[in-house]
Every structure is written in C-alpha cells, then in structure tokens.
Amino acid sequence: MATNFNTGNSTWRQLMGNGLLYRVPPFQRDYSWGEEEWDDLWHDIREVMRPEGEPTHYMGYLVLQSEDGKRFDIIDGQQRLTTLSILVLAALRQLQLLLDKGRDTENTRKRLDSLRQGYIGYLDPVTLVSEPKLKLNRNNDHYFQTYLVPLRSPLPRRGFRRSEHDMRKAFEWFDRRFREYLEGEDDAGLAVVRLIDGMSDKLLFTVITVTDELNAYRVCHFGSNLGP
C-alpha cells in the first residue's frame, strides 16, 4: 500500500495541548457509545490512577487528517475523543457545583478555568475568541456545543436524535461516577483536578496522521482492526 502518513505515540495531554483542534467530519457516524463502553473507560482510568497502577493505559489508534499540523479531521477514533471530552465536562460540572455552594471559590474557579481551557476550549490570543478544541459532526455538534459544553442544567431531553440522547446519557453517567468518586473527599476540587490531570499523562494513543482524505481512508481500510 503506497500511503504517505506519520505515526507516533501521544498522551491525551499532548493531543489536547498546543492549540491543536479536532473536528469530526460532517458525514462521519454519530456518537454511539453506551454504558458498557463508558464503564470500561472509567474502570481503565481508575485502574491506571491507582498508586500501584501501570504507568500508562493504551487507548488504541487514532487516524487523523491534517494539512497544517494544527487542525485535524478525526477519521477514526471520534468515539473515544468525544467520550473523554464528555467525561471532562462531567468533572467541570463538579467544580461548578462547588462554586455554586461557595466552596473555596478562588481556587475552584482557577481549577475550572484551567481544565476548561486545557481540554475543552481555549482563548485565541489574536482574535480573543474562544474556540472549542473538539467539533462534532453535523448531527451532534449543536447539542454538544449548546448544552454540554456550557454545562446547561437541566439538560433538555425532548426532540433530539438518539445520538444526542446518548451524549446526554454519557454526561449524566460520568456525573454520577464523579459524585461517587468524590464522596468523603476533604478537598473535592483538588481531587477532580488530580484525576483529570493525572489521567491525561497516562492515556496513550498511537496516532496516524495523513495529509489527504484518500490516504486517511486507505489507512482505515487496511487497518480495520484499529478499533472504534
């Protein structure tokens, strides 16, 4: 197969840093993960974050297309990146709840802003416009950007596609897991940051980057065992 691509390993922190932006192409499949996949991901994160846990957890392949090395179309791996973003939003929800209760407001606000900028969106230093790090496909992005990213509460439930309901259910599922995780914590805000910040260095992807659509789909075709 004559395919031009670059392959390397990246942690989730490296993927989400340095102003990199990701887009699920408009006609890629909708969000479809369910409780089994959410539970597997949460279990893997909890295991790798144990003091005696493995130094990294392998998350599989990502196939990306980019012409400039800054903006990437996600050809394969959108389910994992979308779910990780939803997980972070559920973590941000815990910090927002602490703010609403007036708990350690200065530190909590700093932690919330830092995690949001690091994993959800950043402020462009030129335009001063906030730009999301992840844009979903034509069926899912409106719900994601309008309701999940701003942490709208309660989340609307009527008149949406099944995949949008699945994203809402994912957020609510991880929200419950975080509430359980934080039970008994003296400093819940610090515990949230330690989990997100710690796992970002331990979740490892093999990233295949190509420069054109044809080669991207060739990689996916010939590597059909790369995962969801």
Foldseek 3Di string as FASTA:
>chain_A
DDFDKDKDKDFLLRCQDDQAAEEAEQPPDFADDADVVLVVVVVVLVQCPPPPHDQADEPFEWEWADAPVRYTHTPPDPNVLLLLLLLLLLLLVVLVVCCVVVHVNVVSVVLSVVSCVSRFWNQDPPVRDIDGRYAYYPQARCLCVVDRSVVDPPRDDPDHDPSSVRSNVSNVVSNVVLVVVQVPPPCSSVVSSCSSVSNSSRYMYIYMYHHDDVSSVVVCVVPVVRHD
